[in-house]
C-alpha cells in the first residue's frame, strides 16, 4: 500500500496529492489517485459529502524544491523538440507557472 496520511477534508490543502481514488456514498468516482488538490476541488468534495482523504505525506522544503526541479526538467525534456517555436515556448511557460503556483500554494518553497 502507498504511504499516505489520512486528512480531514476541512484540513486539506491545495497542492497535496491524493493517493487513493475518492468516491461518493453511492460509489460514483470523484477523484483519481494522483490528482493534485486545488481549493476548488476541495470545496467540491466537501459539497459531495467527502469527510477525509488519503494524501501523500507532507514533504520537507528540500523535497519540494527537488520536486520543482524535476517538474522543470520534465518540461524542458518534453518541449526540447520544439526549439524556439514561440507558441510552444509560451505553452511551456504557462505550464511552468501553473506548477510553480501549485507548489507555492502548498507551501513547499519552490520557485
N, C-alpha and C. Protein backbone atom coordinates (compact mmCIF):
# COMPACT_ATOMS: atom_id res chain seq x y z
N UNK A 1 0.84 -1.19 0.00
CA UNK A 1 0.00 0.00 0.00
C UNK A 1 0.88 1.25 0.00
N UNK A 2 0.41 2.29 -0.66
CA UNK A 2 1.14 3.54 -0.76
C UNK A 2 1.18 4.23 0.59
N UNK A 3 2.33 4.83 0.91
CA UNK A 3 2.47 5.61 2.12
C UNK A 3 1.53 6.81 2.02
N UNK A 4 0.64 6.95 3.00
CA UNK A 4 -0.32 8.05 2.93
C UNK A 4 -0.62 8.60 4.31
N UNK A 5 -1.28 9.73 4.29
CA UNK A 5 -1.69 10.42 5.51
C UNK A 5 -3.18 10.71 5.37
N UNK A 6 -4.00 10.24 6.30
CA UNK A 6 -5.44 10.50 6.25
C UNK A 6 -5.68 11.90 6.80
N UNK A 7 -6.34 12.75 6.00
CA UNK A 7 -6.54 14.16 6.35
C UNK A 7 -8.02 14.49 6.25
N UNK A 8 -8.56 15.12 7.28
CA UNK A 8 -9.94 15.61 7.21
C UNK A 8 -10.05 16.62 6.08
N UNK A 9 -11.15 16.59 5.35
CA UNK A 9 -11.32 17.48 4.21
C UNK A 9 -11.21 18.95 4.63
N UNK A 10 -11.66 19.27 5.83
CA UNK A 10 -11.57 20.67 6.29
C UNK A 10 -10.14 21.10 6.53
N UNK A 11 -9.21 20.14 6.64
CA UNK A 11 -7.79 20.45 6.83
C UNK A 11 -6.97 20.23 5.57
N UNK A 12 -7.61 19.80 4.48
CA UNK A 12 -6.89 19.55 3.23
C UNK A 12 -6.37 20.86 2.65
N UNK A 13 -5.22 20.80 2.02
CA UNK A 13 -4.59 21.98 1.45
C UNK A 13 -4.35 21.80 -0.03
N UNK A 14 -4.55 22.87 -0.78
CA UNK A 14 -4.25 22.84 -2.21
C UNK A 14 -2.78 22.48 -2.41
N UNK A 15 -2.55 21.69 -3.46
CA UNK A 15 -1.18 21.28 -3.77
C UNK A 15 -0.84 19.89 -3.27
N UNK A 16 -1.62 19.37 -2.34
CA UNK A 16 -1.39 18.00 -1.85
C UNK A 16 -1.88 17.01 -2.90
N UNK A 17 -1.31 15.81 -2.89
CA UNK A 17 -1.63 14.79 -3.89
C UNK A 17 -2.47 13.69 -3.25
N UNK A 18 -3.59 13.36 -3.90
CA UNK A 18 -4.48 12.29 -3.47
C UNK A 18 -3.82 10.96 -3.84
N UNK A 19 -3.75 10.01 -2.89
CA UNK A 19 -3.09 8.73 -3.17
C UNK A 19 -4.07 7.57 -3.30
N UNK A 20 -5.35 7.83 -3.07
CA UNK A 20 -6.36 6.78 -3.17
C UNK A 20 -7.57 7.37 -3.88
N UNK A 21 -8.13 6.62 -4.85
CA UNK A 21 -9.33 7.10 -5.54
C UNK A 21 -10.39 7.50 -4.52
N UNK A 22 -11.16 8.54 -4.87
CA UNK A 22 -12.22 9.05 -3.98
C UNK A 22 -13.56 8.83 -4.68
N UNK A 23 -14.50 8.26 -3.94
CA UNK A 23 -15.86 8.04 -4.44
C UNK A 23 -16.86 8.58 -3.43
N UNK A 24 -18.04 8.95 -3.93
CA UNK A 24 -19.08 9.42 -3.01
C UNK A 24 -19.79 8.22 -2.39
N UNK A 25 -20.81 8.49 -1.57
CA UNK A 25 -21.52 7.42 -0.85
C UNK A 25 -22.20 6.43 -1.77
N UNK A 26 -22.50 6.84 -3.00
CA UNK A 26 -23.14 5.96 -3.97
C UNK A 26 -22.12 5.18 -4.81
N UNK A 27 -20.84 5.43 -4.55
CA UNK A 27 -19.80 4.74 -5.31
C UNK A 27 -19.38 5.44 -6.59
N UNK A 28 -19.89 6.63 -6.83
CA UNK A 28 -19.51 7.40 -8.02
C UNK A 28 -18.08 7.91 -7.87
N UNK A 29 -17.26 7.65 -8.86
CA UNK A 29 -15.87 8.12 -8.83
C UNK A 29 -15.83 9.64 -8.89
N UNK A 30 -15.08 10.25 -7.98
CA UNK A 30 -14.98 11.71 -7.94
C UNK A 30 -13.57 12.19 -8.28
N UNK A 31 -12.57 11.51 -7.75
CA UNK A 31 -11.18 11.93 -7.93
C UNK A 31 -10.31 10.68 -8.06
N UNK A 32 -9.40 10.70 -9.02
CA UNK A 32 -8.48 9.58 -9.19
C UNK A 32 -7.22 9.80 -8.37
N UNK A 33 -6.63 8.70 -7.93
CA UNK A 33 -5.34 8.77 -7.24
C UNK A 33 -4.35 9.49 -8.16
N UNK A 34 -3.50 10.33 -7.56
CA UNK A 34 -2.52 11.09 -8.33
C UNK A 34 -2.96 12.51 -8.62
N UNK A 35 -4.22 12.83 -8.33
CA UNK A 35 -4.74 14.17 -8.57
C UNK A 35 -4.17 15.15 -7.55
N UNK A 36 -3.78 16.33 -8.02
CA UNK A 36 -3.31 17.39 -7.14
C UNK A 36 -4.51 18.22 -6.73
N UNK A 37 -4.69 18.40 -5.44
CA UNK A 37 -5.82 19.16 -4.92
C UNK A 37 -5.71 20.64 -5.25
N UNK A 38 -6.85 21.24 -5.55
CA UNK A 38 -6.97 22.69 -5.68
C UNK A 38 -8.03 23.14 -4.68
N UNK A 39 -8.08 24.42 -4.41
CA UNK A 39 -9.11 24.94 -3.49
C UNK A 39 -10.50 24.61 -4.03
N UNK A 40 -10.67 24.74 -5.33
CA UNK A 40 -11.97 24.46 -5.94
C UNK A 40 -12.36 22.99 -5.78
N UNK A 41 -11.41 22.10 -6.01
CA UNK A 41 -11.69 20.67 -5.88
C UNK A 41 -12.03 20.31 -4.43
N UNK A 42 -11.32 20.88 -3.49
CA UNK A 42 -11.60 20.63 -2.07
C UNK A 42 -13.03 21.05 -1.75
N UNK A 43 -13.44 22.23 -2.23
CA UNK A 43 -14.80 22.72 -1.98
C UNK A 43 -15.83 21.79 -2.62
N UNK A 44 -15.56 21.30 -3.83
CA UNK A 44 -16.48 20.39 -4.50
C UNK A 44 -16.62 19.08 -3.71
N UNK A 45 -15.51 18.56 -3.20
CA UNK A 45 -15.54 17.33 -2.43
C UNK A 45 -16.33 17.52 -1.13
N UNK A 46 -16.17 18.67 -0.50
CA UNK A 46 -16.94 18.96 0.71
C UNK A 46 -18.43 18.96 0.41
N UNK A 47 -18.81 19.58 -0.71
CA UNK A 47 -20.23 19.62 -1.10
C UNK A 47 -20.77 18.22 -1.39
N UNK A 48 -19.91 17.31 -1.82
CA UNK A 48 -20.33 15.93 -2.13
C UNK A 48 -20.30 15.03 -0.91
N UNK A 49 -19.98 15.59 0.26
CA UNK A 49 -20.03 14.83 1.50
C UNK A 49 -18.77 14.06 1.84
N UNK A 50 -17.68 14.34 1.17
CA UNK A 50 -16.42 13.66 1.48
C UNK A 50 -15.87 14.25 2.78
N UNK A 51 -15.53 13.39 3.72
CA UNK A 51 -15.07 13.85 5.03
C UNK A 51 -13.56 13.81 5.20
N UNK A 52 -12.90 12.87 4.50
CA UNK A 52 -11.44 12.78 4.63
C UNK A 52 -10.84 12.22 3.34
N UNK A 53 -9.54 12.43 3.19
CA UNK A 53 -8.80 12.00 2.00
C UNK A 53 -7.50 11.34 2.41
N UNK A 54 -7.05 10.38 1.62
CA UNK A 54 -5.72 9.81 1.79
C UNK A 54 -4.78 10.61 0.89
N UNK A 55 -3.84 11.32 1.51
CA UNK A 55 -2.93 12.20 0.78
C UNK A 55 -1.48 11.78 0.97
N UNK A 56 -0.65 12.18 0.01
CA UNK A 56 0.78 11.95 0.18
C UNK A 56 1.22 12.70 1.43
N UNK A 57 2.14 12.11 2.19
CA UNK A 57 2.63 12.83 3.36
C UNK A 57 3.27 14.15 2.96
N UNK A 58 3.20 15.11 3.85
CA UNK A 58 3.84 16.40 3.60
C UNK A 58 5.34 16.20 3.41
N UNK A 59 5.91 17.00 2.52
CA UNK A 59 7.34 16.88 2.24
C UNK A 59 8.09 18.03 2.87
N UNK A 60 9.37 17.81 3.09
CA UNK A 60 10.23 18.87 3.60
C UNK A 60 10.45 19.90 2.50
N UNK A 61 10.87 21.11 2.86
CA UNK A 61 11.16 22.12 1.83
C UNK A 61 12.19 21.64 0.81
N UNK A 62 13.15 20.85 1.26
CA UNK A 62 14.17 20.33 0.34
C UNK A 62 13.54 19.37 -0.66
N UNK A 63 12.65 18.50 -0.17
CA UNK A 63 11.97 17.56 -1.07
C UNK A 63 11.09 18.31 -2.07
N UNK A 64 10.42 19.34 -1.61
CA UNK A 64 9.56 20.12 -2.50
C UNK A 64 10.38 20.86 -3.55
N UNK A 65 11.52 21.41 -3.16
CA UNK A 65 12.39 22.09 -4.13
C UNK A 65 12.86 21.08 -5.18
N UNK A 66 13.19 19.88 -4.74
CA UNK A 66 13.62 18.83 -5.67
C UNK A 66 12.48 18.48 -6.61
N UNK A 67 11.26 18.43 -6.09
CA UNK A 67 10.09 18.15 -6.94
C UNK A 67 9.92 19.23 -7.99
N UNK A 68 10.11 20.47 -7.59
CA UNK A 68 10.02 21.59 -8.54
C UNK A 68 11.06 21.47 -9.64
N UNK A 69 12.27 21.08 -9.27
CA UNK A 69 13.33 20.90 -10.27
C UNK A 69 12.99 19.76 -11.21
N UNK A 70 12.42 18.69 -10.67
CA UNK A 70 12.02 17.55 -11.51
C UNK A 70 10.96 17.98 -12.53
N UNK A 71 10.03 18.79 -12.09
CA UNK A 71 8.98 19.27 -13.00
C UNK A 71 9.60 20.11 -14.10
N UNK A 72 10.50 21.02 -13.74
CA UNK A 72 11.15 21.86 -14.74
C UNK A 72 11.94 21.01 -15.73
N UNK A 73 12.67 20.02 -15.24
CA UNK A 73 13.44 19.15 -16.13
C UNK A 73 12.53 18.37 -17.06
N UNK A 74 11.40 17.88 -16.54
CA UNK A 74 10.46 17.14 -17.37
C UNK A 74 9.89 18.04 -18.47
N UNK A 75 9.54 19.28 -18.12
CA UNK A 75 9.03 20.20 -19.13
C UNK A 75 10.10 20.55 -20.15
N UNK A 76 11.33 20.77 -19.70
CA UNK A 76 12.43 21.03 -20.63
C UNK A 76 12.57 19.89 -21.63
N UNK A 77 12.50 18.67 -21.13
CA UNK A 77 12.62 17.49 -21.99
C UNK A 77 11.45 17.40 -22.97
N UNK A 78 10.24 17.61 -22.45
CA UNK A 78 9.06 17.48 -23.30
C UNK A 78 9.01 18.54 -24.40
N UNK A 79 9.56 19.71 -24.14
CA UNK A 79 9.49 20.80 -25.11
C UNK A 79 10.77 20.98 -25.90
N UNK A 80 11.78 20.16 -25.65
CA UNK A 80 13.07 20.33 -26.33
C UNK A 80 12.96 20.16 -27.84
N UNK A 81 12.07 19.34 -28.30
CA UNK A 81 11.94 19.10 -29.74
C UNK A 81 11.30 20.26 -30.49
N UNK A 82 10.78 21.24 -29.77
CA UNK A 82 10.08 22.34 -30.42
C UNK A 82 10.95 23.57 -30.61
N UNK A 83 12.19 23.50 -30.18
CA UNK A 83 13.12 24.61 -30.41
C UNK A 83 12.59 25.93 -29.92
N UNK A 84 12.68 26.93 -30.79
CA UNK A 84 12.31 28.29 -30.41
C UNK A 84 10.90 28.66 -30.87
N UNK A 85 10.08 27.67 -31.19
CA UNK A 85 8.70 27.95 -31.61
C UNK A 85 8.03 28.79 -30.53
N UNK A 86 7.63 30.02 -30.85
CA UNK A 86 7.09 30.92 -29.82
C UNK A 86 5.82 30.39 -29.15
N UNK A 87 4.97 29.71 -29.90
CA UNK A 87 3.75 29.17 -29.31
C UNK A 87 4.07 28.09 -28.29
N UNK A 88 4.98 27.21 -28.63
CA UNK A 88 5.35 26.13 -27.72
C UNK A 88 6.12 26.67 -26.51
N UNK A 89 6.94 27.69 -26.72
CA UNK A 89 7.65 28.29 -25.59
C UNK A 89 6.67 28.96 -24.64
N UNK A 90 5.62 29.57 -25.19
CA UNK A 90 4.59 30.19 -24.34
C UNK A 90 3.84 29.13 -23.55
N UNK A 91 3.50 28.01 -24.22
CA UNK A 91 2.82 26.91 -23.53
C UNK A 91 3.70 26.36 -22.41
N UNK A 92 4.98 26.18 -22.69
CA UNK A 92 5.91 25.69 -21.66
C UNK A 92 5.93 26.65 -20.47
N UNK A 93 5.97 27.95 -20.76
CA UNK A 93 5.99 28.94 -19.67
C UNK A 93 4.71 28.89 -18.86
N UNK A 94 3.57 28.74 -19.52
CA UNK A 94 2.30 28.64 -18.81
C UNK A 94 2.26 27.42 -17.90
N UNK A 95 2.76 26.29 -18.41
CA UNK A 95 2.80 25.07 -17.59
C UNK A 95 3.76 25.23 -16.41
N UNK A 96 4.90 25.84 -16.66
CA UNK A 96 5.86 26.09 -15.58
C UNK A 96 5.23 26.96 -14.50
N UNK A 97 4.59 28.04 -14.93
CA UNK A 97 3.93 28.95 -13.97
C UNK A 97 2.83 28.24 -13.20
N UNK A 98 2.07 27.40 -13.88
CA UNK A 98 1.00 26.64 -13.24
C UNK A 98 1.56 25.74 -12.14
N UNK A 99 2.59 24.99 -12.46
CA UNK A 99 3.18 24.09 -11.47
C UNK A 99 3.84 24.86 -10.33
N UNK A 100 4.48 25.97 -10.66
CA UNK A 100 5.10 26.80 -9.63
C UNK A 100 4.04 27.30 -8.65
N UNK A 101 2.91 27.76 -9.19
CA UNK A 101 1.83 28.27 -8.34
C UNK A 101 1.29 27.17 -7.44
N UNK A 102 1.06 25.99 -8.02
CA UNK A 102 0.55 24.88 -7.22
C UNK A 102 1.52 24.52 -6.10
N UNK A 103 2.80 24.45 -6.41
CA UNK A 103 3.78 24.08 -5.40
C UNK A 103 3.92 25.18 -4.34
N UNK A 104 3.83 26.42 -4.77
CA UNK A 104 3.93 27.54 -3.83
C UNK A 104 2.72 27.57 -2.90
N UNK A 105 1.52 27.32 -3.45
CA UNK A 105 0.31 27.29 -2.64
C UNK A 105 0.37 26.19 -1.60
N UNK A 106 1.09 25.13 -1.92
CA UNK A 106 1.23 24.03 -0.98
C UNK A 106 2.28 24.34 0.09
N UNK A 107 2.93 25.50 -0.03
CA UNK A 107 3.91 25.91 0.98
C UNK A 107 5.19 25.14 0.92
N UNK A 108 5.64 24.85 -0.30
CA UNK A 108 6.82 23.99 -0.40
C UNK A 108 8.08 24.72 -0.83
N UNK A 109 8.05 26.03 -0.96
CA UNK A 109 9.28 26.77 -1.21
C UNK A 109 9.82 26.66 -2.60
N UNK A 110 9.06 26.19 -3.56
CA UNK A 110 9.53 26.07 -4.95
C UNK A 110 9.46 27.42 -5.61
N UNK A 111 10.41 27.70 -6.49
CA UNK A 111 10.36 28.90 -7.29
C UNK A 111 11.19 29.97 -6.70
